[in-house]
Amino acid sequence: MRTYPANSPQAAARIVALTVLADGDIGEMEIDWLDRLSVHQQLGLARQELHEILDTFCEDLLSSDQLKWADVCPVDERTLADLMGEIQDPALRLKLLRLCVELAEADAHVAEGESIVLTAAVEHWGLHYEMVRPSLRV
């Protein structure tokens, strides 16, 4: 799997990609939400760059034989921890958590895989308090 510099737009976009893939389907509604929330701009990327990172993340998962749609999360715990570890900036962590919650709720249902990703973000990044604050919304 590719690695990106800590706190880079690419590392952040991969967390978003993981959230989008976590329910086993890249839905049109989620792609619409990526555009509606201007996720690419919020992460400092061009729209096409965000979509390329989504594609390359899928390629990485397929080439590493991790992508198994029968599983509830498309990556194992170690990979999940490695991906979360690339985000070290507290403000970026909070921004990503907020974006990922919005994306997970885009289809009015938070799937088990999405819940695993969100929980991992909260635990790895120490954002437990943020989950209960009403200001969590973007």
C-alpha atoms as a PDB file:
ATOM      1  CA  MET A   1       0.000   0.000   0.000  1.00  0.00           C
ATOM      2  CA  ARG A   2       1.229   3.489  -0.809  1.00  0.00           C
ATOM      3  CA  THR A   3       2.292   5.769   1.979  1.00  0.00           C
ATOM      4  CA  TYR A   4       1.867   9.510   2.064  1.00  0.00           C
ATOM      5  CA  PRO A   5       3.562  12.185   4.142  1.00  0.00           C
ATOM      6  CA  ALA A   6       1.927  12.799   7.517  1.00  0.00           C
ATOM      7  CA  ASN A   7      -0.938  15.300   7.364  1.00  0.00           C
ATOM      8  CA  SER A   8      -0.724  15.567   3.574  1.00  0.00           C
ATOM      9  CA  PRO A   9      -3.885  16.175   1.538  1.00  0.00           C
ATOM     10  CA  GLN A  10      -3.387  12.708   0.050  1.00  0.00           C
ATOM     11  CA  ALA A  11      -3.219  11.002   3.458  1.00  0.00           C
ATOM     12  CA  ALA A  12      -6.341  12.887   4.517  1.00  0.00           C
ATOM     13  CA  ALA A  13      -8.138  11.996   1.284  1.00  0.00           C
ATOM     14  CA  ARG A  14      -7.370   8.338   1.868  1.00  0.00           C
ATOM     15  CA  ILE A  15      -9.249   8.463   5.187  1.00  0.00           C
ATOM     16  CA  VAL A  16     -12.202   9.909   3.285  1.00  0.00           C
ATOM     17  CA  ALA A  17     -11.831   7.157   0.664  1.00  0.00           C
ATOM     18  CA  LEU A  18     -11.813   4.537   3.405  1.00  0.00           C
ATOM     19  CA  THR A  19     -15.058   5.941   4.779  1.00  0.00           C
ATOM     20  CA  VAL A  20     -16.646   5.933   1.327  1.00  0.00           C
ATOM     21  CA  LEU A  21     -15.588   2.310   0.747  1.00  0.00           C
ATOM     22  CA  ALA A  22     -16.351   1.061   4.248  1.00  0.00           C
ATOM     23  CA  ASP A  23     -19.948   0.096   3.505  1.00  0.00           C
ATOM     24  CA  GLY A  24     -18.841  -2.064   0.594  1.00  0.00           C
ATOM     25  CA  ASP A  25     -20.186   0.231  -2.092  1.00  0.00           C
ATOM     26  CA  ILE A  26     -19.189   3.518  -3.628  1.00  0.00           C
ATOM     27  CA  GLY A  27     -22.648   4.980  -3.927  1.00  0.00           C
ATOM     28  CA  GLU A  28     -23.692   7.847  -6.117  1.00  0.00           C
ATOM     29  CA  MET A  29     -25.047   9.599  -3.050  1.00  0.00           C
ATOM     30  CA  GLU A  30     -21.619   9.491  -1.422  1.00  0.00           C
ATOM     31  CA  ILE A  31     -19.930  10.856  -4.549  1.00  0.00           C
ATOM     32  CA  ASP A  32     -22.549  13.629  -4.622  1.00  0.00           C
ATOM     33  CA  TRP A  33     -21.795  14.389  -0.966  1.00  0.00           C
ATOM     34  CA  LEU A  34     -18.070  14.592  -1.733  1.00  0.00           C
ATOM     35  CA  ASP A  35     -18.913  17.338  -4.237  1.00  0.00           C
ATOM     36  CA  ARG A  36     -21.589  18.992  -2.108  1.00  0.00           C
ATOM     37  CA  LEU A  37     -19.227  19.289   0.844  1.00  0.00           C
ATOM     38  CA  SER A  38     -16.362  20.374  -1.455  1.00  0.00           C
ATOM     39  CA  VAL A  39     -14.209  17.777   0.257  1.00  0.00           C
ATOM     40  CA  HIS A  40     -11.473  18.208  -2.333  1.00  0.00           C
ATOM     41  CA  GLN A  41     -11.203  21.931  -1.560  1.00  0.00           C
ATOM     42  CA  GLN A  42     -11.327  21.363   2.188  1.00  0.00           C
ATOM     43  CA  LEU A  43      -8.369  18.999   1.846  1.00  0.00           C
ATOM     44  CA  GLY A  44      -6.422  21.225  -0.543  1.00  0.00           C
ATOM     45  CA  LEU A  45      -6.898  19.056  -3.622  1.00  0.00           C
ATOM     46  CA  ALA A  46      -8.433  19.437  -7.048  1.00  0.00           C
ATOM     47  CA  ARG A  47     -11.652  17.460  -7.526  1.00  0.00           C
ATOM     48  CA  GLN A  48      -9.916  15.093  -9.952  1.00  0.00           C
ATOM     49  CA  GLU A  49      -7.080  14.491  -7.468  1.00  0.00           C
ATOM     50  CA  LEU A  50      -9.577  13.364  -4.830  1.00  0.00           C
ATOM     51  CA  HIS A  51     -11.171  10.942  -7.264  1.00  0.00           C
ATOM     52  CA  GLU A  52      -7.732   9.642  -8.311  1.00  0.00           C
ATOM     53  CA  ILE A  53      -6.858   8.958  -4.672  1.00  0.00           C
ATOM     54  CA  LEU A  54     -10.140   7.075  -4.301  1.00  0.00           C
ATOM     55  CA  ASP A  55      -9.197   5.004  -7.372  1.00  0.00           C
ATOM     56  CA  THR A  56      -5.608   4.352  -6.254  1.00  0.00           C
ATOM     57  CA  PHE A  57      -6.807   3.387  -2.789  1.00  0.00           C
ATOM     58  CA  CYS A  58      -9.098   0.794  -4.379  1.00  0.00           C
ATOM     59  CA  GLU A  59      -6.161  -0.444  -6.486  1.00  0.00           C
ATOM     60  CA  ASP A  60      -3.978  -0.718  -3.385  1.00  0.00           C
ATOM     61  CA  LEU A  61      -6.642  -2.694  -1.558  1.00  0.00           C
ATOM     62  CA  LEU A  62      -7.162  -5.023  -4.499  1.00  0.00           C
ATOM     63  CA  SER A  63      -3.431  -5.600  -5.015  1.00  0.00           C
ATOM     64  CA  SER A  64      -2.904  -6.323  -1.322  1.00  0.00           C
ATOM     65  CA  ASP A  65      -5.826  -8.765  -1.337  1.00  0.00           C
ATOM     66  CA  GLN A  66      -7.436  -6.850   1.508  1.00  0.00           C
ATOM     67  CA  LEU A  67     -10.547  -5.794  -0.364  1.00  0.00           C
ATOM     68  CA  LYS A  68     -13.113  -8.434   0.432  1.00  0.00           C
ATOM     69  CA  TRP A  69     -16.634  -7.102   0.259  1.00  0.00           C
ATOM     70  CA  ALA A  70     -17.878  -9.835   2.581  1.00  0.00           C
ATOM     71  CA  ASP A  71     -15.908  -8.216   5.386  1.00  0.00           C
ATOM     72  CA  VAL A  72     -17.390  -5.325   7.336  1.00  0.00           C
ATOM     73  CA  CYS A  73     -14.334  -3.117   6.822  1.00  0.00           C
ATOM     74  CA  PRO A  74     -12.103  -3.213   3.746  1.00  0.00           C
ATOM     75  CA  VAL A  75      -8.825  -3.120   5.738  1.00  0.00           C
ATOM     76  CA  ASP A  76      -7.404  -5.051   8.648  1.00  0.00           C
ATOM     77  CA  GLU A  77      -6.766  -3.471  12.053  1.00  0.00           C
ATOM     78  CA  ARG A  78      -3.058  -2.884  11.461  1.00  0.00           C
ATOM     79  CA  THR A  79      -3.653  -1.140   8.125  1.00  0.00           C
ATOM     80  CA  LEU A  80      -6.424   0.906   9.701  1.00  0.00           C
ATOM     81  CA  ALA A  81      -4.035   1.999  12.464  1.00  0.00           C
ATOM     82  CA  ASP A  82      -1.330   2.833   9.890  1.00  0.00           C
ATOM     83  CA  LEU A  83      -3.759   4.959   7.871  1.00  0.00           C
ATOM     84  CA  MET A  84      -4.988   6.791  10.962  1.00  0.00           C
ATOM     85  CA  GLY A  85      -1.362   7.280  12.056  1.00  0.00           C
ATOM     86  CA  GLU A  86      -0.638   9.355   8.952  1.00  0.00           C
ATOM     87  CA  ILE A  87      -2.923  12.057  10.355  1.00  0.00           C
ATOM     88  CA  GLN A  88      -1.214  13.734  13.308  1.00  0.00           C
ATOM     89  CA  ASP A  89      -2.453  17.323  13.195  1.00  0.00           C
ATOM     90  CA  PRO A  90      -5.299  17.813  15.720  1.00  0.00           C
ATOM     91  CA  ALA A  91      -7.208  20.304  13.546  1.00  0.00           C
ATOM     92  CA  LEU A  92      -6.986  18.013  10.514  1.00  0.00           C
ATOM     93  CA  ARG A  93      -8.119  15.055  12.602  1.00  0.00           C
ATOM     94  CA  LEU A  94     -11.196  16.942  13.721  1.00  0.00           C
ATOM     95  CA  LYS A  95     -11.949  18.146  10.185  1.00  0.00           C
ATOM     96  CA  LEU A  96     -11.659  14.605   8.853  1.00  0.00           C
ATOM     97  CA  LEU A  97     -13.847  13.167  11.583  1.00  0.00           C
ATOM     98  CA  ARG A  98     -16.545  15.712  10.798  1.00  0.00           C
ATOM     99  CA  LEU A  99     -16.336  15.041   7.059  1.00  0.00           C
ATOM    100  CA  CYS A 100     -16.374  11.289   7.532  1.00  0.00           C
ATOM    101  CA  VAL A 101     -19.410  11.446   9.807  1.00  0.00           C
ATOM    102  CA  GLU A 102     -21.229  13.485   7.142  1.00  0.00           C
ATOM    103  CA  LEU A 103     -20.273  10.980   4.463  1.00  0.00           C
ATOM    104  CA  ALA A 104     -21.263   7.982   6.575  1.00  0.00           C
ATOM    105  CA  GLU A 105     -24.658   9.548   7.223  1.00  0.00           C
ATOM    106  CA  ALA A 106     -25.188  10.603   3.577  1.00  0.00           C
ATOM    107  CA  ASP A 107     -27.460   7.665   2.832  1.00  0.00           C
ATOM    108  CA  ALA A 108     -29.298   7.985   6.185  1.00  0.00           C
ATOM    109  CA  HIS A 109     -27.718   4.739   7.381  1.00  0.00           C
ATOM    110  CA  VAL A 110     -24.342   4.245   9.046  1.00  0.00           C
ATOM    111  CA  ALA A 111     -23.184   0.787   7.963  1.00  0.00           C
ATOM    112  CA  GLU A 112     -21.137  -1.433  10.242  1.00  0.00           C
ATOM    113  CA  GLY A 113     -17.969  -0.846   8.193  1.00  0.00           C
ATOM    114  CA  GLU A 114     -18.466   2.913   8.376  1.00  0.00           C
ATOM    115  CA  SER A 115     -18.973   2.643  12.119  1.00  0.00           C
ATOM    116  CA  ILE A 116     -15.691   0.727  12.426  1.00  0.00           C
ATOM    117  CA  VAL A 117     -13.817   3.453  10.529  1.00  0.00           C
ATOM    118  CA  LEU A 118     -15.394   6.251  12.581  1.00  0.00           C
ATOM    119  CA  THR A 119     -14.718   4.443  15.849  1.00  0.00           C
ATOM    120  CA  ALA A 120     -11.111   3.816  14.816  1.00  0.00           C
ATOM    121  CA  ALA A 121     -10.669   7.513  14.020  1.00  0.00           C
ATOM    122  CA  VAL A 122     -12.092   8.530  17.392  1.00  0.00           C
ATOM    123  CA  GLU A 123      -9.933   6.023  19.266  1.00  0.00           C
ATOM    124  CA  HIS A 124      -6.667   6.560  17.354  1.00  0.00           C
ATOM    125  CA  TRP A 125      -7.011  10.332  17.376  1.00  0.00           C
ATOM    126  CA  GLY A 126      -8.355  10.731  20.923  1.00  0.00           C
ATOM    127  CA  LEU A 127     -11.534  12.504  19.841  1.00  0.00           C
ATOM    128  CA  HIS A 128     -13.965  10.798  22.204  1.00  0.00           C
ATOM    129  CA  TYR A 129     -15.231  14.108  23.540  1.00  0.00           C
ATOM    130  CA  GLU A 130     -15.949  15.399  20.036  1.00  0.00           C
ATOM    131  CA  MET A 131     -18.423  12.603  19.394  1.00  0.00           C
ATOM    132  CA  VAL A 132     -20.808  13.911  22.034  1.00  0.00           C
ATOM    133  CA  ARG A 133     -20.503  17.616  21.267  1.00  0.00           C
ATOM    134  CA  PRO A 134     -23.364  19.171  19.286  1.00  0.00           C
ATOM    135  CA  SER A 135     -20.842  21.148  17.205  1.00  0.00           C
ATOM    136  CA  LEU A 136     -19.640  17.965  15.462  1.00  0.00           C
ATOM    137  CA  ARG A 137     -21.475  18.856  12.256  1.00  0.00           C
ATOM    138  CA  VAL A 138     -19.542  20.559   9.465  1.00  0.00           C
END
